[in-house]
Amino acid sequence: GLAISKKILELHDVPYGVFNTEDGVMFY
């Protein structure tokens, strides 16, 4: 799922990522 999402977002040529927050995880 995340590998497919990565390729889709790369094909859109847009910033994306993931990071830990104080209470959990954020994907953007």
PDB file of all heavy atoms in Angstrom:
ATOM      1  N   GLY A   1       0.799  -1.227   0.000  1.00  0.00           N
ATOM      2  CA  GLY A   1       0.000   0.000   0.000  1.00  0.00           C
ATOM      3  C   GLY A   1       0.829   1.274   0.000  1.00  0.00           C
ATOM      4  O   GLY A   1       0.570   2.188  -0.788  1.00  0.00           O
ATOM      5  N   LEU A   2       1.829   1.342   0.873  1.00  0.00           N
ATOM      6  CA  LEU A   2       2.637   2.556   0.936  1.00  0.00           C
ATOM      7  C   LEU A   2       3.584   2.662  -0.250  1.00  0.00           C
ATOM      8  O   LEU A   2       3.883   3.762  -0.708  1.00  0.00           O
ATOM      9  CB  LEU A   2       3.397   2.633   2.258  1.00  0.00           C
ATOM     10  CG  LEU A   2       2.519   2.855   3.486  1.00  0.00           C
ATOM     11  CD1 LEU A   2       3.354   2.880   4.756  1.00  0.00           C
ATOM     12  CD2 LEU A   2       1.690   4.131   3.362  1.00  0.00           C
ATOM     13  N   ALA A   3       4.049   1.535  -0.779  1.00  0.00           N
ATOM     14  CA  ALA A   3       4.898   1.568  -1.982  1.00  0.00           C
ATOM     15  C   ALA A   3       4.097   2.099  -3.175  1.00  0.00           C
ATOM     16  O   ALA A   3       4.598   2.915  -3.957  1.00  0.00           O
ATOM     17  CB  ALA A   3       5.454   0.176  -2.281  1.00  0.00           C
ATOM     18  N   ILE A   4       2.856   1.658  -3.302  1.00  0.00           N
ATOM     19  CA  ILE A   4       1.980   2.152  -4.371  1.00  0.00           C
ATOM     20  C   ILE A   4       1.690   3.635  -4.167  1.00  0.00           C
ATOM     21  O   ILE A   4       1.761   4.431  -5.105  1.00  0.00           O
ATOM     22  CB  ILE A   4       0.691   1.316  -4.445  1.00  0.00           C
ATOM     23  CG1 ILE A   4       1.014  -0.091  -4.958  1.00  0.00           C
ATOM     24  CG2 ILE A   4      -0.362   1.999  -5.316  1.00  0.00           C
ATOM     25  CD1 ILE A   4      -0.128  -1.084  -4.839  1.00  0.00           C
ATOM     26  N   SER A   5       1.374   4.016  -2.928  1.00  0.00           N
ATOM     27  CA  SER A   5       1.108   5.428  -2.629  1.00  0.00           C
ATOM     28  C   SER A   5       2.308   6.299  -2.975  1.00  0.00           C
ATOM     29  O   SER A   5       2.157   7.384  -3.547  1.00  0.00           O
ATOM     30  CB  SER A   5       0.746   5.599  -1.147  1.00  0.00           C
ATOM     31  OG  SER A   5      -0.456   4.922  -0.857  1.00  0.00           O
ATOM     32  N   LYS A   6       3.507   5.823  -2.637  1.00  0.00           N
ATOM     33  CA  LYS A   6       4.731   6.560  -2.947  1.00  0.00           C
ATOM     34  C   LYS A   6       4.848   6.799  -4.454  1.00  0.00           C
ATOM     35  O   LYS A   6       5.123   7.925  -4.892  1.00  0.00           O
ATOM     36  CB  LYS A   6       5.938   5.769  -2.442  1.00  0.00           C
ATOM     37  CG  LYS A   6       7.277   6.340  -2.857  1.00  0.00           C
ATOM     38  CD  LYS A   6       8.411   5.428  -2.429  1.00  0.00           C
ATOM     39  CE  LYS A   6       9.732   5.939  -2.966  1.00  0.00           C
ATOM     40  NZ  LYS A   6      10.840   5.047  -2.600  1.00  0.00           N
ATOM     41  N   LYS A   7       4.646   5.764  -5.250  1.00  0.00           N
ATOM     42  CA  LYS A   7       4.763   5.904  -6.702  1.00  0.00           C
ATOM     43  C   LYS A   7       3.705   6.860  -7.249  1.00  0.00           C
ATOM     44  O   LYS A   7       3.990   7.674  -8.126  1.00  0.00           O
ATOM     45  CB  LYS A   7       4.668   4.545  -7.399  1.00  0.00           C
ATOM     46  CG  LYS A   7       5.838   3.626  -7.171  1.00  0.00           C
ATOM     47  CD  LYS A   7       7.198   4.256  -7.408  1.00  0.00           C
ATOM     48  CE  LYS A   7       7.480   4.667  -8.827  1.00  0.00           C
ATOM     49  NZ  LYS A   7       8.832   5.232  -9.003  1.00  0.00           N
ATOM     50  N   ILE A   8       2.480   6.753  -6.748  1.00  0.00           N
ATOM     51  CA  ILE A   8       1.414   7.655  -7.199  1.00  0.00           C
ATOM     52  C   ILE A   8       1.791   9.105  -6.902  1.00  0.00           C
ATOM     53  O   ILE A   8       1.669   9.983  -7.763  1.00  0.00           O
ATOM     54  CB  ILE A   8       0.065   7.289  -6.542  1.00  0.00           C
ATOM     55  CG1 ILE A   8      -0.455   5.960  -7.109  1.00  0.00           C
ATOM     56  CG2 ILE A   8      -0.956   8.414  -6.717  1.00  0.00           C
ATOM     57  CD1 ILE A   8      -1.655   5.399  -6.364  1.00  0.00           C
ATOM     58  N   LEU A   9       2.267   9.371  -5.690  1.00  0.00           N
ATOM     59  CA  LEU A   9       2.624  10.737  -5.319  1.00  0.00           C
ATOM     60  C   LEU A   9       3.852  11.216  -6.092  1.00  0.00           C
ATOM     61  O   LEU A   9       3.934  12.390  -6.464  1.00  0.00           O
ATOM     62  CB  LEU A   9       2.811  10.837  -3.807  1.00  0.00           C
ATOM     63  CG  LEU A   9       1.508  10.608  -3.021  1.00  0.00           C
ATOM     64  CD1 LEU A   9       1.790  10.439  -1.536  1.00  0.00           C
ATOM     65  CD2 LEU A   9       0.506  11.728  -3.270  1.00  0.00           C
ATOM     66  N   GLU A  10       4.790  10.314  -6.370  1.00  0.00           N
ATOM     67  CA  GLU A  10       5.945  10.690  -7.201  1.00  0.00           C
ATOM     68  C   GLU A  10       5.500  11.029  -8.621  1.00  0.00           C
ATOM     69  O   GLU A  10       6.015  11.968  -9.229  1.00  0.00           O
ATOM     70  CB  GLU A  10       6.985   9.564  -7.220  1.00  0.00           C
ATOM     71  CG  GLU A  10       7.760   9.458  -5.920  1.00  0.00           C
ATOM     72  CD  GLU A  10       8.705   8.275  -5.878  1.00  0.00           C
ATOM     73  OE1 GLU A  10       8.648   7.393  -6.767  1.00  0.00           O
ATOM     74  OE2 GLU A  10       9.518   8.230  -4.934  1.00  0.00           O
ATOM     75  N   LEU A  11       4.541  10.270  -9.161  1.00  0.00           N
ATOM     76  CA  LEU A  11       4.027  10.568 -10.499  1.00  0.00           C
ATOM     77  C   LEU A  11       3.273  11.901 -10.536  1.00  0.00           C
ATOM     78  O   LEU A  11       3.169  12.526 -11.588  1.00  0.00           O
ATOM     79  CB  LEU A  11       3.140   9.431 -11.006  1.00  0.00           C
ATOM     80  CG  LEU A  11       3.892   8.155 -11.398  1.00  0.00           C
ATOM     81  CD1 LEU A  11       2.922   6.996 -11.584  1.00  0.00           C
ATOM     82  CD2 LEU A  11       4.705   8.381 -12.657  1.00  0.00           C
ATOM     83  N   HIS A  12       2.747  12.326  -9.399  1.00  0.00           N
ATOM     84  CA  HIS A  12       2.119  13.641  -9.297  1.00  0.00           C
ATOM     85  C   HIS A  12       3.169  14.741  -9.056  1.00  0.00           C
ATOM     86  O   HIS A  12       2.845  15.919  -9.112  1.00  0.00           O
ATOM     87  CB  HIS A  12       1.093  13.657  -8.156  1.00  0.00           C
ATOM     88  CG  HIS A  12      -0.227  13.070  -8.523  1.00  0.00           C
ATOM     89  ND1 HIS A  12      -0.472  11.718  -8.512  1.00  0.00           N
ATOM     90  CD2 HIS A  12      -1.381  13.659  -8.915  1.00  0.00           C
ATOM     91  CE1 HIS A  12      -1.725  11.490  -8.874  1.00  0.00           C
ATOM     92  NE2 HIS A  12      -2.296  12.663  -9.132  1.00  0.00           N
ATOM     93  N   ASP A  13       4.409  14.337  -8.747  1.00  0.00           N
ATOM     94  CA  ASP A  13       5.516  15.258  -8.494  1.00  0.00           C
ATOM     95  C   ASP A  13       5.187  16.227  -7.356  1.00  0.00           C
ATOM     96  O   ASP A  13       5.337  17.445  -7.494  1.00  0.00           O
ATOM     97  CB  ASP A  13       5.888  16.010  -9.777  1.00  0.00           C
ATOM     98  CG  ASP A  13       7.227  16.701  -9.658  1.00  0.00           C
ATOM     99  OD1 ASP A  13       8.080  16.209  -8.898  1.00  0.00           O
ATOM    100  OD2 ASP A  13       7.419  17.752 -10.321  1.00  0.00           O
ATOM    101  N   VAL A  14       4.718  15.662  -6.235  1.00  0.00           N
ATOM    102  CA  VAL A  14       4.336  16.476  -5.078  1.00  0.00           C
ATOM    103  C   VAL A  14       5.093  15.995  -3.833  1.00  0.00           C
ATOM    104  O   VAL A  14       5.474  14.831  -3.740  1.00  0.00           O
ATOM    105  CB  VAL A  14       2.812  16.423  -4.808  1.00  0.00           C
ATOM    106  CG1 VAL A  14       2.045  17.058  -5.952  1.00  0.00           C
ATOM    107  CG2 VAL A  14       2.334  15.002  -4.543  1.00  0.00           C
ATOM    108  N   PRO A  15       5.290  16.905  -2.875  1.00  0.00           N
ATOM    109  CA  PRO A  15       5.903  16.501  -1.610  1.00  0.00           C
ATOM    110  C   PRO A  15       4.969  15.554  -0.843  1.00  0.00           C
ATOM    111  O   PRO A  15       3.744  15.694  -0.881  1.00  0.00           O
ATOM    112  CB  PRO A  15       6.061  17.812  -0.843  1.00  0.00           C
ATOM    113  CG  PRO A  15       5.949  18.895  -1.858  1.00  0.00           C
ATOM    114  CD  PRO A  15       5.067  18.357  -2.937  1.00  0.00           C
ATOM    115  N   TYR A  16       5.570  14.610  -0.127  1.00  0.00           N
ATOM    116  CA  TYR A  16       4.823  13.681   0.729  1.00  0.00           C
ATOM    117  C   TYR A  16       5.783  13.170   1.798  1.00  0.00           C
ATOM    118  O   TYR A  16       7.005  13.323   1.679  1.00  0.00           O
ATOM    119  CB  TYR A  16       4.261  12.509  -0.083  1.00  0.00           C
ATOM    120  CG  TYR A  16       5.328  11.587  -0.613  1.00  0.00           C
ATOM    121  CD1 TYR A  16       5.713  10.464   0.102  1.00  0.00           C
ATOM    122  CD2 TYR A  16       5.983  11.864  -1.816  1.00  0.00           C
ATOM    123  CE1 TYR A  16       6.727   9.635  -0.371  1.00  0.00           C
ATOM    124  CE2 TYR A  16       6.983  11.049  -2.294  1.00  0.00           C
ATOM    125  CZ  TYR A  16       7.357   9.935  -1.566  1.00  0.00           C
ATOM    126  OH  TYR A  16       8.354   9.127  -2.025  1.00  0.00           O
ATOM    127  N   GLY A  17       5.231  12.549   2.823  1.00  0.00           N
ATOM    128  CA  GLY A  17       6.113  11.983   3.833  1.00  0.00           C
ATOM    129  C   GLY A  17       5.367  11.497   5.052  1.00  0.00           C
ATOM    130  O   GLY A  17       4.129  11.459   5.091  1.00  0.00           O
ATOM    131  N   VAL A  18       6.156  11.151   6.051  1.00  0.00           N
ATOM    132  CA  VAL A  18       5.636  10.654   7.322  1.00  0.00           C
ATOM    133  C   VAL A  18       6.600  11.095   8.415  1.00  0.00           C
ATOM    134  O   VAL A  18       7.810  11.196   8.181  1.00  0.00           O
ATOM    135  CB  VAL A  18       5.488   9.114   7.313  1.00  0.00           C
ATOM    136  CG1 VAL A  18       6.821   8.427   7.047  1.00  0.00           C
ATOM    137  CG2 VAL A  18       4.862   8.602   8.593  1.00  0.00           C
ATOM    138  N   PHE A  19       6.053  11.400   9.575  1.00  0.00           N
ATOM    139  CA  PHE A  19       6.908  11.697  10.723  1.00  0.00           C
ATOM    140  C   PHE A  19       6.136  11.383  12.002  1.00  0.00           C
ATOM    141  O   PHE A  19       4.897  11.324  12.008  1.00  0.00           O
ATOM    142  CB  PHE A  19       7.402  13.154  10.709  1.00  0.00           C
ATOM    143  CG  PHE A  19       6.314  14.186  10.721  1.00  0.00           C
ATOM    144  CD1 PHE A  19       5.809  14.693  11.912  1.00  0.00           C
ATOM    145  CD2 PHE A  19       5.802  14.673   9.524  1.00  0.00           C
ATOM    146  CE1 PHE A  19       4.808  15.659  11.904  1.00  0.00           C
ATOM    147  CE2 PHE A  19       4.806  15.643   9.506  1.00  0.00           C
ATOM    148  CZ  PHE A  19       4.306  16.129  10.711  1.00  0.00           C
ATOM    149  N   ASN A  20       6.901  11.156  13.050  1.00  0.00           N
ATOM    150  CA  ASN A  20       6.299  10.931  14.353  1.00  0.00           C
ATOM    151  C   ASN A  20       5.905  12.270  14.955  1.00  0.00           C
ATOM    152  O   ASN A  20       6.651  13.244  14.859  1.00  0.00           O
ATOM    153  CB  ASN A  20       7.273  10.210  15.292  1.00  0.00           C
ATOM    154  CG  ASN A  20       7.480   8.762  14.902  1.00  0.00           C
ATOM    155  OD1 ASN A  20       6.526   8.060  14.598  1.00  0.00           O
ATOM    156  ND2 ASN A  20       8.721   8.310  14.937  1.00  0.00           N
ATOM    157  N   THR A  21       4.717  12.302  15.550  1.00  0.00           N
ATOM    158  CA  THR A  21       4.255  13.479  16.277  1.00  0.00           C
ATOM    159  C   THR A  21       4.414  13.189  17.766  1.00  0.00           C
ATOM    160  O   THR A  21       4.865  12.105  18.150  1.00  0.00           O
ATOM    161  CB  THR A  21       2.781  13.783  15.950  1.00  0.00           C
ATOM    162  OG1 THR A  21       1.976  12.681  16.388  1.00  0.00           O
ATOM    163  CG2 THR A  21       2.577  14.014  14.453  1.00  0.00           C
ATOM    164  N   GLU A  22       4.016  14.126  18.581  1.00  0.00           N
ATOM    165  CA  GLU A  22       4.114  13.913  20.021  1.00  0.00           C
ATOM    166  C   GLU A  22       3.303  12.687  20.455  1.00  0.00           C
ATOM    167  O   GLU A  22       3.750  11.904  21.287  1.00  0.00           O
ATOM    168  CB  GLU A  22       3.606  15.158  20.757  1.00  0.00           C
ATOM    169  CG  GLU A  22       3.783  15.090  22.248  1.00  0.00           C
ATOM    170  CD  GLU A  22       3.358  16.378  22.938  1.00  0.00           C
ATOM    171  OE1 GLU A  22       3.538  17.458  22.352  1.00  0.00           O
ATOM    172  OE2 GLU A  22       2.852  16.279  24.069  1.00  0.00           O
ATOM    173  N   ASP A  23       2.111  12.503  19.837  1.00  0.00           N
ATOM    174  CA  ASP A  23       1.208  11.438  20.276  1.00  0.00           C
ATOM    175  C   ASP A  23       1.040  10.291  19.293  1.00  0.00           C
ATOM    176  O   ASP A  23       0.278   9.372  19.554  1.00  0.00           O
ATOM    177  CB  ASP A  23      -0.186  12.027  20.540  1.00  0.00           C
ATOM    178  CG  ASP A  23      -0.171  13.059  21.651  1.00  0.00           C
ATOM    179  OD1 ASP A  23       0.586  12.889  22.617  1.00  0.00           O
ATOM    180  OD2 ASP A  23      -0.916  14.048  21.533  1.00  0.00           O
ATOM    181  N   GLY A  24       1.694  10.345  18.136  1.00  0.00           N
ATOM    182  CA  GLY A  24       1.450   9.293  17.158  1.00  0.00           C
ATOM    183  C   GLY A  24       2.272   9.482  15.896  1.00  0.00           C
ATOM    184  O   GLY A  24       3.447   9.816  15.949  1.00  0.00           O
ATOM    185  N   VAL A  25       1.603   9.290  14.739  1.00  0.00           N
ATOM    186  CA  VAL A  25       2.266   9.329  13.441  1.00  0.00           C
ATOM    187  C   VAL A  25       1.433  10.157  12.476  1.00  0.00           C
ATOM    188  O   VAL A  25       0.201  10.052  12.469  1.00  0.00           O
ATOM    189  CB  VAL A  25       2.429   7.892  12.882  1.00  0.00           C
ATOM    190  CG1 VAL A  25       3.043   7.914  11.491  1.00  0.00           C
ATOM    191  CG2 VAL A  25       3.264   7.039  13.826  1.00  0.00           C
ATOM    192  N   MET A  26       2.096  10.976  11.653  1.00  0.00           N
ATOM    193  CA  MET A  26       1.389  11.767  10.655  1.00  0.00           C
ATOM    194  C   MET A  26       1.937  11.489   9.263  1.00  0.00           C
ATOM    195  O   MET A  26       3.132  11.582   9.021  1.00  0.00           O
ATOM    196  CB  MET A  26       1.491  13.264  10.930  1.00  0.00           C
ATOM    197  CG  MET A  26       0.717  14.078   9.883  1.00  0.00           C
ATOM    198  SD  MET A  26       0.711  15.850  10.184  1.00  0.00           S
ATOM    199  CE  MET A  26      -0.186  15.939  11.713  1.00  0.00           C
ATOM    200  N   PHE A  27       1.019  11.132   8.352  1.00  0.00           N
ATOM    201  CA  PHE A  27       1.325  11.022   6.939  1.00  0.00           C
ATOM    202  C   PHE A  27       0.769  12.283   6.276  1.00  0.00           C
ATOM    203  O   PHE A  27      -0.294  12.770   6.668  1.00  0.00           O
ATOM    204  CB  PHE A  27       0.645   9.791   6.323  1.00  0.00           C
ATOM    205  CG  PHE A  27       1.318   8.498   6.650  1.00  0.00           C
ATOM    206  CD1 PHE A  27       1.093   7.854   7.849  1.00  0.00           C
ATOM    207  CD2 PHE A  27       2.220   7.951   5.759  1.00  0.00           C
ATOM    208  CE1 PHE A  27       1.728   6.666   8.159  1.00  0.00           C
ATOM    209  CE2 PHE A  27       2.868   6.753   6.052  1.00  0.00           C
ATOM    210  CZ  PHE A  27       2.612   6.111   7.253  1.00  0.00           C
ATOM    211  N   TYR A  28       1.463  12.780   5.252  1.00  0.00           N
ATOM    212  CA  TYR A  28       0.993  13.984   4.577  1.00  0.00           C
ATOM    213  C   TYR A  28       1.367  13.938   3.104  1.00  0.00           C
ATOM    214  O   TYR A  28       2.268  13.199   2.695  1.00  0.00           O
ATOM    215  CB  TYR A  28       1.601  15.237   5.226  1.00  0.00           C
ATOM    216  CG  TYR A  28       3.086  15.352   4.987  1.00  0.00           C
ATOM    217  CD1 TYR A  28       3.581  16.035   3.870  1.00  0.00           C
ATOM    218  CD2 TYR A  28       3.996  14.772   5.870  1.00  0.00           C
ATOM    219  CE1 TYR A  28       4.938  16.127   3.634  1.00  0.00           C
ATOM    220  CE2 TYR A  28       5.352  14.856   5.629  1.00  0.00           C
ATOM    221  CZ  TYR A  28       5.818  15.526   4.512  1.00  0.00           C
ATOM    222  OH  TYR A  28       7.160  15.612   4.276  1.00  0.00           O
TER     223      TYR A  28
END
